[in-house]
Amino acid sequence: MLFALICKDKPGSLQLRADTRPAHAAFLEGLISEGRLAFAGPFLDADGKPDGSLVMIDAPDMAGAKALAAADPYAKAGLFERVEIRAWNWVFQKPATE
């Protein structure tokens, strides 16, 4: 089942995001290799600077989605002010499975 991790950064945390980005990227690469990441990317503020994240993951249930969200290096570093986790159904423009 797909889950959207809708994450909002704490104010003034752009440097923390930059410092933690390599570990976060490695974490997402691991999810890709496991077939558990559908897509991901940052939300941008009015100046085009990252201020949050949208991460779409495949997890067996809400508990699994929460565990993956908590394992993200951004979450471990305390980057996020809040994280909303929502089950999601990909209907249109879904990539074909091989």
C-alpha atoms as a PDB file:
ATOM      1  CA  MET A   1       0.000   0.000   0.000  1.00  0.00           C
ATOM      2  CA  LEU A   2       1.254   3.492  -0.802  1.00  0.00           C
ATOM      3  CA  PHE A   3       1.646   6.153   1.870  1.00  0.00           C
ATOM      4  CA  ALA A   4       2.422   9.838   1.440  1.00  0.00           C
ATOM      5  CA  LEU A   5       4.808  11.330   3.978  1.00  0.00           C
ATOM      6  CA  ILE A   6       3.982  15.050   3.959  1.00  0.00           C
ATOM      7  CA  CYS A   7       6.725  16.741   5.945  1.00  0.00           C
ATOM      8  CA  LYS A   8       7.086  20.394   6.967  1.00  0.00           C
ATOM      9  CA  ASP A   9      10.534  21.639   8.021  1.00  0.00           C
ATOM     10  CA  LYS A  10      11.044  23.604  11.215  1.00  0.00           C
ATOM     11  CA  PRO A  11      11.561  27.317  10.524  1.00  0.00           C
ATOM     12  CA  GLY A  12      15.192  28.313  10.022  1.00  0.00           C
ATOM     13  CA  SER A  13      16.373  24.752   9.384  1.00  0.00           C
ATOM     14  CA  LEU A  14      17.787  25.078   5.868  1.00  0.00           C
ATOM     15  CA  GLN A  15      21.355  24.403   7.069  1.00  0.00           C
ATOM     16  CA  LEU A  16      20.254  21.292   8.977  1.00  0.00           C
ATOM     17  CA  ARG A  17      18.547  20.070   5.803  1.00  0.00           C
ATOM     18  CA  ALA A  18      21.704  20.676   3.762  1.00  0.00           C
ATOM     19  CA  ASP A  19      23.932  18.986   6.332  1.00  0.00           C
ATOM     20  CA  THR A  20      21.675  15.928   6.549  1.00  0.00           C
ATOM     21  CA  ARG A  21      20.903  15.637   2.836  1.00  0.00           C
ATOM     22  CA  PRO A  22      23.634  13.070   1.963  1.00  0.00           C
ATOM     23  CA  ALA A  23      22.357  10.642   4.613  1.00  0.00           C
ATOM     24  CA  HIS A  24      18.749  11.296   3.551  1.00  0.00           C
ATOM     25  CA  ALA A  25      19.619  10.644  -0.109  1.00  0.00           C
ATOM     26  CA  ALA A  26      21.389   7.399   0.818  1.00  0.00           C
ATOM     27  CA  PHE A  27      18.312   6.351   2.824  1.00  0.00           C
ATOM     28  CA  LEU A  28      16.062   6.990  -0.199  1.00  0.00           C
ATOM     29  CA  GLU A  29      18.466   5.102  -2.485  1.00  0.00           C
ATOM     30  CA  GLY A  30      18.116   2.142  -0.119  1.00  0.00           C
ATOM     31  CA  LEU A  31      14.329   2.346  -0.362  1.00  0.00           C
ATOM     32  CA  ILE A  32      14.624   2.412  -4.157  1.00  0.00           C
ATOM     33  CA  SER A  33      16.773  -0.728  -4.139  1.00  0.00           C
ATOM     34  CA  GLU A  34      14.162  -2.418  -1.929  1.00  0.00           C
ATOM     35  CA  GLY A  35      11.322  -1.344  -4.237  1.00  0.00           C
ATOM     36  CA  ARG A  36       9.710   0.732  -1.472  1.00  0.00           C
ATOM     37  CA  LEU A  37      10.047   4.287  -2.859  1.00  0.00           C
ATOM     38  CA  ALA A  38       7.591   5.472  -5.513  1.00  0.00           C
ATOM     39  CA  PHE A  39       8.852   9.071  -5.679  1.00  0.00           C
ATOM     40  CA  ALA A  40      10.136  11.874  -3.471  1.00  0.00           C
ATOM     41  CA  GLY A  41      11.163  15.505  -3.518  1.00  0.00           C
ATOM     42  CA  PRO A  42      11.176  18.747  -1.566  1.00  0.00           C
ATOM     43  CA  PHE A  43       8.445  21.333  -1.217  1.00  0.00           C
ATOM     44  CA  LEU A  44       9.742  24.818  -2.019  1.00  0.00           C
ATOM     45  CA  ASP A  45       9.077  28.160  -0.339  1.00  0.00           C
ATOM     46  CA  ALA A  46       8.387  31.436  -2.173  1.00  0.00           C
ATOM     47  CA  ASP A  47      12.144  31.892  -2.721  1.00  0.00           C
ATOM     48  CA  GLY A  48      12.550  28.413  -4.219  1.00  0.00           C
ATOM     49  CA  LYS A  49      14.300  27.043  -1.115  1.00  0.00           C
ATOM     50  CA  PRO A  50      13.317  23.617   0.305  1.00  0.00           C
ATOM     51  CA  ASP A  51      10.986  23.808   3.283  1.00  0.00           C
ATOM     52  CA  GLY A  52       9.524  20.318   3.453  1.00  0.00           C
ATOM     53  CA  SER A  53       9.300  16.971   1.710  1.00  0.00           C
ATOM     54  CA  LEU A  54       6.844  14.732  -0.068  1.00  0.00           C
ATOM     55  CA  VAL A  55       7.933  11.100   0.072  1.00  0.00           C
ATOM     56  CA  MET A  56       5.720   8.373  -1.389  1.00  0.00           C
ATOM     57  CA  ILE A  57       6.547   4.956   0.057  1.00  0.00           C
ATOM     58  CA  ASP A  58       5.224   1.437  -0.225  1.00  0.00           C
ATOM     59  CA  ALA A  59       4.581  -0.117   3.188  1.00  0.00           C
ATOM     60  CA  PRO A  60       2.407  -3.018   4.363  1.00  0.00           C
ATOM     61  CA  ASP A  61       0.379  -0.837   6.738  1.00  0.00           C
ATOM     62  CA  MET A  62       0.347   2.413   8.713  1.00  0.00           C
ATOM     63  CA  ALA A  63       2.701   1.003  11.334  1.00  0.00           C
ATOM     64  CA  GLY A  64       5.234   0.168   8.620  1.00  0.00           C
ATOM     65  CA  ALA A  65       4.866   3.633   7.094  1.00  0.00           C
ATOM     66  CA  LYS A  66       5.432   5.255  10.493  1.00  0.00           C
ATOM     67  CA  ALA A  67       8.534   3.122  11.034  1.00  0.00           C
ATOM     68  CA  LEU A  68       9.986   4.155   7.663  1.00  0.00           C
ATOM     69  CA  ALA A  69       9.194   7.813   8.337  1.00  0.00           C
ATOM     70  CA  ALA A  70      10.957   7.633  11.701  1.00  0.00           C
ATOM     71  CA  ALA A  71      14.015   5.962  10.118  1.00  0.00           C
ATOM     72  CA  ASP A  72      14.591   8.839   7.673  1.00  0.00           C
ATOM     73  CA  PRO A  73      17.770  10.740   8.629  1.00  0.00           C
ATOM     74  CA  TYR A  74      15.867  14.015   8.270  1.00  0.00           C
ATOM     75  CA  ALA A  75      13.415  12.845  10.932  1.00  0.00           C
ATOM     76  CA  LYS A  76      16.221  11.563  13.160  1.00  0.00           C
ATOM     77  CA  ALA A  77      17.992  14.931  12.886  1.00  0.00           C
ATOM     78  CA  GLY A  78      14.855  16.753  14.049  1.00  0.00           C
ATOM     79  CA  LEU A  79      14.356  18.628  10.750  1.00  0.00           C
ATOM     80  CA  PHE A  80      10.585  18.325  10.646  1.00  0.00           C
ATOM     81  CA  GLU A  81       8.092  20.488  12.486  1.00  0.00           C
ATOM     82  CA  ARG A  82       5.377  17.990  11.586  1.00  0.00           C
ATOM     83  CA  VAL A  83       4.844  14.872   9.493  1.00  0.00           C
ATOM     84  CA  GLU A  84       1.481  13.784   8.158  1.00  0.00           C
ATOM     85  CA  ILE A  85       1.204  10.206   6.909  1.00  0.00           C
ATOM     86  CA  ARG A  86      -1.694   9.409   4.593  1.00  0.00           C
ATOM     87  CA  ALA A  87      -2.627   6.248   2.690  1.00  0.00           C
ATOM     88  CA  TRP A  88      -2.744   7.047  -1.022  1.00  0.00           C
ATOM     89  CA  ASN A  89      -4.143   5.406  -4.156  1.00  0.00           C
ATOM     90  CA  TRP A  90      -2.214   6.026  -7.399  1.00  0.00           C
ATOM     91  CA  VAL A  91      -4.878   6.100 -10.127  1.00  0.00           C
ATOM     92  CA  PHE A  92      -3.707   8.250 -13.040  1.00  0.00           C
ATOM     93  CA  GLN A  93      -0.279   8.223 -14.732  1.00  0.00           C
ATOM     94  CA  LYS A  94       0.833   5.257 -12.657  1.00  0.00           C
ATOM     95  CA  PRO A  95       3.995   3.743 -14.157  1.00  0.00           C
ATOM     96  CA  ALA A  96       3.584   0.298 -15.634  1.00  0.00           C
ATOM     97  CA  THR A  97       4.984  -2.501 -13.516  1.00  0.00           C
ATOM     98  CA  GLU A  98       7.489  -4.792 -15.158  1.00  0.00           C
END
